[in-house]
Structures are given as C-alpha cells and as structure tokens.
Amino acid sequence: MTQALLVIDVQESFRSTERWQTISNPSVVDAVARLVARFREHGSPVFWILHADPGSGNAFDPENGLVQVLAELEPAPGEQLLVKTTINAFTSTDLEELLRAEGVDEVVLCGIRTEQCVEPTARIATDLGFATTVVIDATATNPAGALSAREVIERTAEVLAAREFAEVVTLESLGLAAPVSG
C-alpha cells in the first residue's frame, strides 16, 4: 500500500483563539512533527490541509493572516498545501485527485478538532475507498458541552473503530512515542 499523511488544520487560527487554553493536547505539534518526520524518512507524501472561512472576520478568515501551518511545523518543498472551506478535507479541495495521482491507497490522519475535522475526513476517505488510519494521540480538540476533551476523543475513537471508518492507532503503536526525559 502507498500511504500518505494528512495533517488536518494544525494551524495558527486555532492557537490564536481563547479555546486554545482548553485544548486537549497542547503538544499535538510534537506528535504531528514525529509523524511528518516518519513519512518524510520513508519518502511518503505529506499533505497539509488548512481550514479557511473567507469573509467571516474571525481567526479562520484568510484576511487575518492566521490560516497558516503552526509556526513550529513547515511543509517541505513539494508537499501539497490545500485550503478547505468545508469541515472535511475532500469536499472543497482536489485532495482525492491529488492522492490518486500519487498512487495513494491508504491515508493516515492527524490534526486539530478530532471530532469535527479529522473524523469527517476519515469517514469520507473510507467512503472513497482509501484504507484509513487515525493516529488518535496526534489529534486534539476541546471540551464539548458536558463532555471533557478526553471524552470527546475517546468517543470519536470508538465510533471510528466500531463503524470501521478507520483503524485507530497511537504514536506508541507506530513506534513513535515521545522520548522520555530525565
């Protein structure tokens, strides 16, 4: 199988809002960086997907300059950078065509808003015939109503796996656990 990494909405727009204070995984950048490095080492494609809400005046409005990859990460030359205006990464971009042109038949997902951006992208990817994997601890979200962020992520992982929308894995299962300091 030919894999591609989809880095979804790991962008300054999120960090610029007060919701960043309640993000489930402030070190999501480090987790994403480890995945990106692994894919680059293997010569596998990395696709960067950002969310934009043109004309909204909010942090996702491209006019505000925040619709860009988090400063600690940087797409390498030749890596695709797509901007979506829908929740999932396929509907408002040519992502499917680009993946097929690269011969990709398996996508690995990470990113911000586990249940709102990563999960819908996983569902569509599966519907389109891609083998789909979500690296759950390389995602992040915020509390939603009565649910803590951890509960939102756990529930999302359960739904994805139970409905066979995606294989749900961890960095550790991929041999990419964070180094232990001390």
N, C-alpha and C. Protein backbone atom coordinates (compact mmCIF):
# COMPACT_ATOMS: atom_id res chain seq x y z
N MET A 1 0.83 -1.19 0.00
CA MET A 1 0.00 0.00 0.00
C MET A 1 0.87 1.25 0.00
N THR A 2 0.41 2.26 -0.68
CA THR A 2 1.09 3.55 -0.69
C THR A 2 0.36 4.48 0.26
N GLN A 3 1.06 4.89 1.30
CA GLN A 3 0.47 5.74 2.33
C GLN A 3 0.77 7.21 2.10
N ALA A 4 -0.15 8.05 2.57
CA ALA A 4 0.07 9.49 2.64
C ALA A 4 -0.39 9.96 4.00
N LEU A 5 0.28 10.96 4.52
CA LEU A 5 -0.11 11.57 5.79
C LEU A 5 -0.92 12.81 5.49
N LEU A 6 -2.09 12.92 6.12
CA LEU A 6 -2.92 14.12 6.02
C LEU A 6 -2.84 14.85 7.35
N VAL A 7 -2.25 16.03 7.34
CA VAL A 7 -2.14 16.87 8.53
C VAL A 7 -3.27 17.89 8.43
N ILE A 8 -4.27 17.73 9.28
CA ILE A 8 -5.51 18.48 9.15
C ILE A 8 -5.60 19.61 10.18
N ASP A 9 -5.67 20.82 9.68
CA ASP A 9 -5.98 22.02 10.48
C ASP A 9 -5.03 22.28 11.65
N VAL A 10 -3.79 21.91 11.51
CA VAL A 10 -2.80 22.22 12.54
C VAL A 10 -2.28 23.62 12.19
N GLN A 11 -3.08 24.62 12.59
CA GLN A 11 -2.88 25.97 12.10
C GLN A 11 -2.98 27.03 13.18
N GLU A 12 -2.39 28.16 12.87
CA GLU A 12 -2.35 29.27 13.81
C GLU A 12 -3.74 29.78 14.19
N SER A 13 -4.71 29.60 13.33
CA SER A 13 -6.07 30.04 13.63
C SER A 13 -6.54 29.50 14.97
N PHE A 14 -6.28 28.22 15.23
CA PHE A 14 -6.71 27.62 16.49
C PHE A 14 -5.95 28.20 17.67
N ARG A 15 -4.64 28.32 17.52
CA ARG A 15 -3.82 28.80 18.64
C ARG A 15 -4.16 30.24 19.00
N SER A 16 -4.68 31.01 18.06
CA SER A 16 -4.96 32.42 18.31
C SER A 16 -6.25 32.66 19.10
N THR A 17 -7.06 31.62 19.29
CA THR A 17 -8.32 31.80 20.00
C THR A 17 -8.18 31.43 21.47
N GLU A 18 -9.10 31.92 22.29
CA GLU A 18 -9.05 31.57 23.72
C GLU A 18 -9.34 30.09 23.96
N ARG A 19 -9.96 29.42 22.98
CA ARG A 19 -10.22 27.98 23.13
C ARG A 19 -8.93 27.18 23.22
N TRP A 20 -7.82 27.74 22.74
CA TRP A 20 -6.54 27.03 22.80
C TRP A 20 -6.19 26.71 24.25
N GLN A 21 -6.69 27.52 25.19
CA GLN A 21 -6.41 27.29 26.62
C GLN A 21 -7.01 25.97 27.11
N THR A 22 -8.02 25.45 26.40
CA THR A 22 -8.66 24.19 26.82
C THR A 22 -8.37 23.05 25.85
N ILE A 23 -7.38 23.22 24.98
CA ILE A 23 -7.06 22.18 24.00
C ILE A 23 -6.61 20.92 24.74
N SER A 24 -7.04 19.78 24.26
CA SER A 24 -6.76 18.52 24.94
C SER A 24 -5.29 18.14 24.92
N ASN A 25 -4.58 18.55 23.89
CA ASN A 25 -3.22 18.09 23.71
C ASN A 25 -2.35 19.25 23.20
N PRO A 26 -1.88 20.11 24.11
CA PRO A 26 -1.05 21.25 23.68
C PRO A 26 0.22 20.81 22.94
N SER A 27 0.65 19.58 23.17
CA SER A 27 1.85 19.08 22.48
C SER A 27 1.51 18.35 21.18
N VAL A 28 0.32 18.62 20.64
CA VAL A 28 -0.07 18.00 19.38
C VAL A 28 0.96 18.32 18.29
N VAL A 29 1.58 19.48 18.38
CA VAL A 29 2.59 19.86 17.39
C VAL A 29 3.73 18.86 17.39
N ASP A 30 4.19 18.44 18.56
CA ASP A 30 5.28 17.48 18.65
C ASP A 30 4.86 16.13 18.07
N ALA A 31 3.64 15.71 18.36
CA ALA A 31 3.14 14.44 17.83
C ALA A 31 3.07 14.49 16.31
N VAL A 32 2.55 15.58 15.79
CA VAL A 32 2.46 15.74 14.33
C VAL A 32 3.86 15.77 13.72
N ALA A 33 4.77 16.46 14.36
CA ALA A 33 6.15 16.54 13.84
C ALA A 33 6.78 15.16 13.75
N ARG A 34 6.54 14.29 14.73
CA ARG A 34 7.09 12.93 14.69
C ARG A 34 6.50 12.15 13.51
N LEU A 35 5.20 12.30 13.29
CA LEU A 35 4.57 11.62 12.15
C LEU A 35 5.12 12.15 10.82
N VAL A 36 5.21 13.46 10.70
CA VAL A 36 5.72 14.06 9.48
C VAL A 36 7.14 13.55 9.20
N ALA A 37 7.98 13.53 10.23
CA ALA A 37 9.36 13.05 10.05
C ALA A 37 9.38 11.60 9.57
N ARG A 38 8.53 10.76 10.14
CA ARG A 38 8.47 9.35 9.73
C ARG A 38 8.07 9.23 8.26
N PHE A 39 7.06 9.97 7.84
CA PHE A 39 6.62 9.89 6.45
C PHE A 39 7.69 10.42 5.51
N ARG A 40 8.34 11.49 5.88
CA ARG A 40 9.42 12.02 5.04
C ARG A 40 10.57 11.03 4.93
N GLU A 41 10.93 10.40 6.06
CA GLU A 41 12.01 9.40 6.05
C GLU A 41 11.72 8.28 5.06
N HIS A 42 10.46 7.89 4.96
CA HIS A 42 10.07 6.80 4.07
C HIS A 42 9.73 7.28 2.66
N GLY A 43 9.87 8.57 2.41
CA GLY A 43 9.57 9.10 1.09
C GLY A 43 8.08 9.08 0.76
N SER A 44 7.25 9.05 1.80
CA SER A 44 5.80 9.03 1.61
C SER A 44 5.27 10.46 1.59
N PRO A 45 4.23 10.71 0.79
CA PRO A 45 3.72 12.07 0.68
C PRO A 45 3.05 12.57 1.95
N VAL A 46 3.22 13.87 2.19
CA VAL A 46 2.58 14.56 3.30
C VAL A 46 1.72 15.67 2.69
N PHE A 47 0.46 15.70 3.09
CA PHE A 47 -0.47 16.72 2.63
C PHE A 47 -0.88 17.57 3.83
N TRP A 48 -0.77 18.87 3.69
CA TRP A 48 -1.13 19.83 4.73
C TRP A 48 -2.46 20.43 4.34
N ILE A 49 -3.44 20.34 5.21
CA ILE A 49 -4.77 20.87 4.93
C ILE A 49 -5.10 21.90 6.00
N LEU A 50 -5.48 23.10 5.54
CA LEU A 50 -5.86 24.17 6.45
C LEU A 50 -7.32 24.52 6.22
N HIS A 51 -7.96 25.05 7.26
CA HIS A 51 -9.36 25.46 7.15
C HIS A 51 -9.44 26.98 7.04
N ALA A 52 -10.27 27.45 6.09
CA ALA A 52 -10.49 28.89 5.93
C ALA A 52 -11.97 29.17 5.91
N ASP A 53 -12.32 30.31 6.44
CA ASP A 53 -13.70 30.80 6.44
C ASP A 53 -13.68 32.23 5.91
N PRO A 54 -13.50 32.37 4.57
CA PRO A 54 -13.36 33.71 3.99
C PRO A 54 -14.55 34.61 4.30
N GLY A 55 -14.23 35.86 4.60
CA GLY A 55 -15.26 36.86 4.86
C GLY A 55 -15.87 36.82 6.24
N SER A 56 -15.43 35.90 7.08
CA SER A 56 -16.03 35.75 8.42
C SER A 56 -15.51 36.79 9.41
N GLY A 57 -14.32 37.30 9.16
CA GLY A 57 -13.71 38.23 10.10
C GLY A 57 -13.11 37.55 11.33
N ASN A 58 -13.24 36.24 11.43
CA ASN A 58 -12.70 35.53 12.60
C ASN A 58 -11.29 35.01 12.32
N ALA A 59 -10.78 34.20 13.21
CA ALA A 59 -9.41 33.69 13.10
C ALA A 59 -9.20 32.81 11.87
N PHE A 60 -10.28 32.34 11.26
CA PHE A 60 -10.18 31.47 10.09
C PHE A 60 -10.36 32.23 8.78
N ASP A 61 -10.53 33.52 8.88
CA ASP A 61 -10.62 34.37 7.69
C ASP A 61 -9.20 34.60 7.18
N PRO A 62 -8.91 34.21 5.95
CA PRO A 62 -7.55 34.38 5.43
C PRO A 62 -7.04 35.82 5.51
N GLU A 63 -7.93 36.79 5.52
CA GLU A 63 -7.53 38.20 5.62
C GLU A 63 -6.82 38.50 6.93
N ASN A 64 -7.04 37.69 7.96
CA ASN A 64 -6.42 37.91 9.26
C ASN A 64 -5.02 37.33 9.37
N GLY A 65 -4.58 36.58 8.36
CA GLY A 65 -3.21 36.07 8.33
C GLY A 65 -2.92 34.88 9.22
N LEU A 66 -3.94 34.25 9.76
CA LEU A 66 -3.73 33.13 10.68
C LEU A 66 -3.97 31.76 10.04
N VAL A 67 -4.43 31.75 8.81
CA VAL A 67 -4.66 30.48 8.11
C VAL A 67 -3.32 30.04 7.53
N GLN A 68 -2.49 29.53 8.45
CA GLN A 68 -1.16 29.04 8.10
C GLN A 68 -0.77 27.95 9.09
N VAL A 69 0.09 27.07 8.64
CA VAL A 69 0.57 25.97 9.48
C VAL A 69 1.21 26.55 10.74
N LEU A 70 1.01 25.88 11.88
CA LEU A 70 1.64 26.33 13.13
C LEU A 70 3.13 26.57 12.90
N ALA A 71 3.63 27.61 13.50
CA ALA A 71 4.99 28.08 13.24
C ALA A 71 6.06 27.00 13.45
N GLU A 72 5.83 26.07 14.37
CA GLU A 72 6.84 25.05 14.66
C GLU A 72 6.94 23.99 13.57
N LEU A 73 5.97 23.96 12.69
CA LEU A 73 5.95 22.99 11.60
C LEU A 73 6.10 23.73 10.28
N GLU A 74 6.62 23.04 9.28
CA GLU A 74 6.75 23.70 7.99
C GLU A 74 6.66 22.65 6.88
N PRO A 75 5.75 22.87 5.95
CA PRO A 75 5.72 21.96 4.80
C PRO A 75 7.05 22.02 4.05
N ALA A 76 7.51 20.85 3.63
CA ALA A 76 8.75 20.78 2.85
C ALA A 76 8.45 21.11 1.40
N PRO A 77 9.46 21.53 0.66
CA PRO A 77 9.25 21.77 -0.76
C PRO A 77 8.62 20.53 -1.42
N GLY A 78 7.62 20.75 -2.23
CA GLY A 78 6.95 19.65 -2.93
C GLY A 78 5.77 19.06 -2.19
N GLU A 79 5.64 19.36 -0.89
CA GLU A 79 4.48 18.86 -0.15
C GLU A 79 3.27 19.75 -0.47
N GLN A 80 2.14 19.11 -0.67
CA GLN A 80 0.91 19.82 -1.01
C GLN A 80 0.36 20.56 0.20
N LEU A 81 -0.08 21.80 -0.03
CA LEU A 81 -0.77 22.60 0.98
C LEU A 81 -2.12 22.98 0.39
N LEU A 82 -3.18 22.46 0.99
CA LEU A 82 -4.54 22.71 0.50
C LEU A 82 -5.31 23.51 1.53
N VAL A 83 -6.18 24.38 1.05
CA VAL A 83 -7.05 25.15 1.94
C VAL A 83 -8.48 24.73 1.66
N LYS A 84 -9.16 24.28 2.70
CA LYS A 84 -10.55 23.82 2.58
C LYS A 84 -11.49 24.85 3.20
N THR A 85 -12.72 24.82 2.73
CA THR A 85 -13.75 25.68 3.31
C THR A 85 -14.90 24.86 3.87
N THR A 86 -14.71 23.54 3.89
CA THR A 86 -15.69 22.63 4.47
C THR A 86 -15.05 21.93 5.66
N ILE A 87 -15.86 21.24 6.43
CA ILE A 87 -15.34 20.56 7.61
C ILE A 87 -14.37 19.45 7.22
N ASN A 88 -14.71 18.62 6.24
CA ASN A 88 -13.81 17.54 5.83
C ASN A 88 -12.83 18.07 4.78
N ALA A 89 -11.76 17.33 4.58
CA ALA A 89 -10.68 17.78 3.69
C ALA A 89 -10.92 17.47 2.22
N PHE A 90 -11.98 16.76 1.89
CA PHE A 90 -12.20 16.36 0.50
C PHE A 90 -13.16 17.25 -0.28
N THR A 91 -14.28 17.61 0.31
CA THR A 91 -15.38 18.22 -0.42
C THR A 91 -15.01 19.50 -1.15
N SER A 92 -14.22 20.36 -0.54
CA SER A 92 -13.91 21.66 -1.14
C SER A 92 -12.48 21.76 -1.68
N THR A 93 -11.82 20.61 -1.83
CA THR A 93 -10.46 20.61 -2.38
C THR A 93 -10.36 19.52 -3.46
N ASP A 94 -9.21 19.46 -4.09
CA ASP A 94 -8.95 18.38 -5.06
C ASP A 94 -8.08 17.29 -4.42
N LEU A 95 -8.21 17.11 -3.11
CA LEU A 95 -7.40 16.14 -2.37
C LEU A 95 -7.51 14.73 -2.97
N GLU A 96 -8.72 14.28 -3.26
CA GLU A 96 -8.86 12.92 -3.80
C GLU A 96 -8.05 12.76 -5.08
N GLU A 97 -8.16 13.70 -5.99
CA GLU A 97 -7.43 13.62 -7.26
C GLU A 97 -5.92 13.62 -7.03
N LEU A 98 -5.46 14.45 -6.12
CA LEU A 98 -4.03 14.52 -5.83
C LEU A 98 -3.52 13.20 -5.22
N LEU A 99 -4.30 12.63 -4.31
CA LEU A 99 -3.91 11.34 -3.72
C LEU A 99 -3.84 10.25 -4.79
N ARG A 100 -4.85 10.19 -5.62
CA ARG A 100 -4.89 9.16 -6.67
C ARG A 100 -3.73 9.36 -7.67
N ALA A 101 -3.41 10.59 -7.97
CA ALA A 101 -2.30 10.87 -8.89
C ALA A 101 -0.97 10.39 -8.32
N GLU A 102 -0.86 10.37 -6.98
CA GLU A 102 0.35 9.88 -6.31
C GLU A 102 0.31 8.38 -6.08
N GLY A 103 -0.79 7.73 -6.47
CA GLY A 103 -0.91 6.29 -6.27
C GLY A 103 -1.23 5.90 -4.84
N VAL A 104 -1.73 6.84 -4.06
CA VAL A 104 -2.04 6.59 -2.64
C VAL A 104 -3.31 5.76 -2.52
N ASP A 105 -3.24 4.73 -1.69
CA ASP A 105 -4.44 3.95 -1.39
C ASP A 105 -4.70 3.84 0.10
N GLU A 106 -3.82 4.45 0.91
CA GLU A 106 -4.00 4.47 2.36
C GLU A 106 -3.66 5.85 2.88
N VAL A 107 -4.54 6.42 3.71
CA VAL A 107 -4.27 7.71 4.33
C VAL A 107 -4.18 7.55 5.84
N VAL A 108 -3.26 8.31 6.40
CA VAL A 108 -3.06 8.36 7.85
C VAL A 108 -3.37 9.79 8.26
N LEU A 109 -4.25 9.95 9.25
CA LEU A 109 -4.73 11.27 9.62
C LEU A 109 -4.28 11.68 11.01
N CYS A 110 -3.99 12.97 11.13
CA CYS A 110 -3.71 13.59 12.42
C CYS A 110 -4.23 15.02 12.31
N GLY A 111 -4.37 15.71 13.43
CA GLY A 111 -4.76 17.10 13.33
C GLY A 111 -5.59 17.62 14.49
N ILE A 112 -6.08 18.82 14.27
CA ILE A 112 -6.85 19.51 15.30
C ILE A 112 -8.33 19.43 14.99
N ARG A 113 -9.08 19.27 16.05
CA ARG A 113 -10.52 19.04 16.11
C ARG A 113 -10.81 17.61 15.69
N THR A 114 -10.48 16.72 16.59
CA THR A 114 -10.63 15.29 16.40
C THR A 114 -11.98 14.93 15.83
N GLU A 115 -13.04 15.43 16.46
CA GLU A 115 -14.41 15.02 16.09
C GLU A 115 -15.02 15.87 14.99
N GLN A 116 -14.44 17.04 14.71
CA GLN A 116 -15.07 17.94 13.74
C GLN A 116 -14.33 18.03 12.43
N CYS A 117 -13.07 17.73 12.38
CA CYS A 117 -12.31 17.85 11.13
C CYS A 117 -11.65 16.53 10.76
N VAL A 118 -11.03 15.87 11.74
CA VAL A 118 -10.36 14.60 11.47
C VAL A 118 -11.39 13.50 11.19
N GLU A 119 -12.37 13.35 12.08
CA GLU A 119 -13.36 12.27 11.90
C GLU A 119 -14.11 12.37 10.57
N PRO A 120 -14.67 13.53 10.19
CA PRO A 120 -15.36 13.58 8.90
C PRO A 120 -14.44 13.27 7.72
N THR A 121 -13.19 13.68 7.80
CA THR A 121 -12.25 13.37 6.73
C THR A 121 -12.01 11.87 6.66
N ALA A 122 -11.91 11.22 7.82
CA ALA A 122 -11.73 9.76 7.84
C ALA A 122 -12.93 9.05 7.22
N ARG A 123 -14.11 9.49 7.55
CA ARG A 123 -15.31 8.86 7.01
C ARG A 123 -15.37 8.98 5.49
N ILE A 124 -15.09 10.17 4.98
CA ILE A 124 -15.13 10.38 3.53
C ILE A 124 -14.03 9.57 2.86
N ALA A 125 -12.84 9.57 3.44
CA ALA A 125 -11.73 8.79 2.87
C ALA A 125 -12.12 7.33 2.73
N THR A 126 -12.73 6.78 3.76
CA THR A 126 -13.17 5.38 3.71
C THR A 126 -14.23 5.20 2.63
N ASP A 127 -15.19 6.11 2.56
CA ASP A 127 -16.22 6.03 1.51
C ASP A 127 -15.60 6.07 0.12
N LEU A 128 -14.50 6.78 -0.04
CA LEU A 128 -13.84 6.89 -1.34
C LEU A 128 -12.94 5.70 -1.64
N GLY A 129 -12.83 4.77 -0.68
CA GLY A 129 -12.07 3.55 -0.92
C GLY A 129 -10.64 3.56 -0.41
N PHE A 130 -10.26 4.59 0.34
CA PHE A 130 -8.92 4.62 0.92
C PHE A 130 -8.92 3.84 2.23
N ALA A 131 -7.90 3.01 2.46
CA ALA A 131 -7.69 2.45 3.79
C ALA A 131 -7.33 3.64 4.67
N THR A 132 -7.94 3.72 5.84
CA THR A 132 -7.83 4.94 6.65
C THR A 132 -7.38 4.60 8.06
N THR A 133 -6.40 5.35 8.52
CA THR A 133 -5.89 5.21 9.88
C THR A 133 -5.90 6.58 10.53
N VAL A 134 -6.33 6.63 11.79
CA VAL A 134 -6.28 7.86 12.57
C VAL A 134 -5.32 7.63 13.73
N VAL A 135 -4.32 8.49 13.85
CA VAL A 135 -3.38 8.44 14.97
C VAL A 135 -3.99 9.33 16.05
N ILE A 136 -4.73 8.69 16.94
CA ILE A 136 -5.61 9.40 17.86
C ILE A 136 -4.87 10.34 18.81
N ASP A 137 -3.67 9.97 19.23
CA ASP A 137 -2.95 10.87 20.15
C ASP A 137 -2.13 11.92 19.39
N ALA A 138 -2.32 11.99 18.08
CA ALA A 138 -1.77 13.08 17.28
C ALA A 138 -2.92 13.95 16.79
N THR A 139 -4.00 13.94 17.58
CA THR A 139 -5.13 14.82 17.36
C THR A 139 -5.37 15.61 18.64
N ALA A 140 -6.17 16.65 18.51
CA ALA A 140 -6.51 17.46 19.69
C ALA A 140 -7.89 18.07 19.47
N THR A 141 -8.56 18.35 20.57
CA THR A 141 -9.86 19.01 20.50
C THR A 141 -10.11 19.77 21.79
N ASN A 142 -11.32 20.25 21.93
CA ASN A 142 -11.72 20.99 23.13
C ASN A 142 -12.92 20.30 23.77
N PRO A 143 -13.21 20.64 25.02
CA PRO A 143 -14.43 20.11 25.64
C PRO A 143 -15.65 20.51 24.79
N ALA A 144 -16.67 19.67 24.86
CA ALA A 144 -17.90 19.95 24.11
C ALA A 144 -19.08 19.70 25.04
N GLY A 145 -19.75 20.76 25.43
CA GLY A 145 -20.89 20.61 26.34
C GLY A 145 -20.45 19.97 27.64
N ALA A 146 -21.12 18.89 28.02
CA ALA A 146 -20.81 18.20 29.27
C ALA A 146 -19.62 17.26 29.14
N LEU A 147 -19.12 17.07 27.93
CA LEU A 147 -18.00 16.13 27.71
C LEU A 147 -16.66 16.84 27.81
N SER A 148 -15.74 16.20 28.51
CA SER A 148 -14.37 16.72 28.54
C SER A 148 -13.74 16.45 27.17
N ALA A 149 -12.65 17.11 26.89
CA ALA A 149 -11.95 16.87 25.63
C ALA A 149 -11.53 15.41 25.52
N ARG A 150 -11.07 14.83 26.63
CA ARG A 150 -10.66 13.42 26.63
C ARG A 150 -11.84 12.54 26.25
N GLU A 151 -13.02 12.84 26.81
CA GLU A 151 -14.21 12.04 26.49
C GLU A 151 -14.62 12.19 25.03
N VAL A 152 -14.48 13.39 24.48
CA VAL A 152 -14.79 13.61 23.07
C VAL A 152 -13.87 12.75 22.20
N ILE A 153 -12.59 12.75 22.52
CA ILE A 153 -11.61 11.98 21.75
C ILE A 153 -11.89 10.48 21.89
N GLU A 154 -12.14 10.03 23.11
CA GLU A 154 -12.42 8.60 23.32
C GLU A 154 -13.66 8.17 22.55
N ARG A 155 -14.69 8.97 22.59
CA ARG A 155 -15.94 8.65 21.88
C ARG A 155 -15.71 8.64 20.37
N THR A 156 -14.96 9.60 19.88
CA THR A 156 -14.66 9.66 18.45
C THR A 156 -13.88 8.41 18.03
N ALA A 157 -12.89 8.03 18.81
CA ALA A 157 -12.10 6.83 18.50
C ALA A 157 -12.99 5.60 18.48
N GLU A 158 -13.89 5.50 19.45
CA GLU A 158 -14.81 4.34 19.50
C GLU A 158 -15.69 4.28 18.26
N VAL A 159 -16.25 5.40 17.88
CA VAL A 159 -17.14 5.44 16.71
C VAL A 159 -16.38 5.10 15.44
N LEU A 160 -15.22 5.69 15.26
CA LEU A 160 -14.44 5.40 14.06
C LEU A 160 -14.11 3.92 13.95
N ALA A 161 -13.64 3.34 15.05
CA ALA A 161 -13.25 1.93 15.03
C ALA A 161 -14.46 1.00 14.93
N ALA A 162 -15.50 1.27 15.69
CA ALA A 162 -16.67 0.39 15.72
C ALA A 162 -17.39 0.36 14.39
N ARG A 163 -17.44 1.48 13.73
CA ARG A 163 -18.14 1.57 12.44
C ARG A 163 -17.21 1.25 11.27
N GLU A 164 -15.97 0.89 11.59
CA GLU A 164 -14.96 0.54 10.59
C GLU A 164 -14.67 1.67 9.61
N PHE A 165 -14.77 2.91 10.10
CA PHE A 165 -14.39 4.06 9.29
C PHE A 165 -12.88 4.20 9.23
N ALA A 166 -12.21 3.74 10.28
CA ALA A 166 -10.76 3.90 10.33
C ALA A 166 -10.18 2.95 11.36
N GLU A 167 -8.94 2.60 11.14
CA GLU A 167 -8.17 1.93 12.17
C GLU A 167 -7.66 3.05 13.08
N VAL A 168 -7.84 2.91 14.36
CA VAL A 168 -7.40 3.92 15.32
C VAL A 168 -6.15 3.39 16.02
N VAL A 169 -5.06 4.16 15.90
CA VAL A 169 -3.78 3.74 16.47
C VAL A 169 -3.21 4.87 17.32
N THR A 170 -2.11 4.57 18.00
CA THR A 170 -1.40 5.57 18.80
C THR A 170 0.02 5.73 18.27
N LEU A 171 0.65 6.81 18.68
CA LEU A 171 2.06 7.00 18.32
C LEU A 171 2.91 5.85 18.84
N GLU A 172 2.61 5.40 20.04
CA GLU A 172 3.37 4.29 20.62
C GLU A 172 3.26 3.04 19.75
N SER A 173 2.05 2.73 19.29
CA SER A 173 1.87 1.53 18.46
C SER A 173 2.63 1.64 17.14
N LEU A 174 2.93 2.86 16.72
CA LEU A 174 3.71 3.09 15.50
C LEU A 174 5.22 3.21 15.78
N GLY A 175 5.57 3.06 17.06
CA GLY A 175 6.98 3.20 17.44
C GLY A 175 7.44 4.64 17.49
N LEU A 176 6.48 5.56 17.70
CA LEU A 176 6.78 6.99 17.70
C LEU A 176 6.45 7.68 19.02
N ALA A 177 6.45 6.92 20.09
CA ALA A 177 6.14 7.53 21.39
C ALA A 177 7.16 8.63 21.70
N ALA A 178 6.71 9.61 22.46
CA ALA A 178 7.59 10.72 22.82
C ALA A 178 8.77 10.19 23.63
N PRO A 179 9.95 10.74 23.39
CA PRO A 179 11.09 10.33 24.20
C PRO A 179 10.88 10.68 25.66
N VAL A 180 11.33 9.83 26.54
CA VAL A 180 11.21 10.07 27.96
C VAL A 180 12.40 10.91 28.41
N SER A 181 12.09 12.01 29.08
CA SER A 181 13.18 12.87 29.56
C SER A 181 13.47 12.57 31.01
N GLY A 182 14.68 12.88 31.40
CA GLY A 182 15.01 12.73 32.80
C GLY A 182 15.99 11.74 33.13
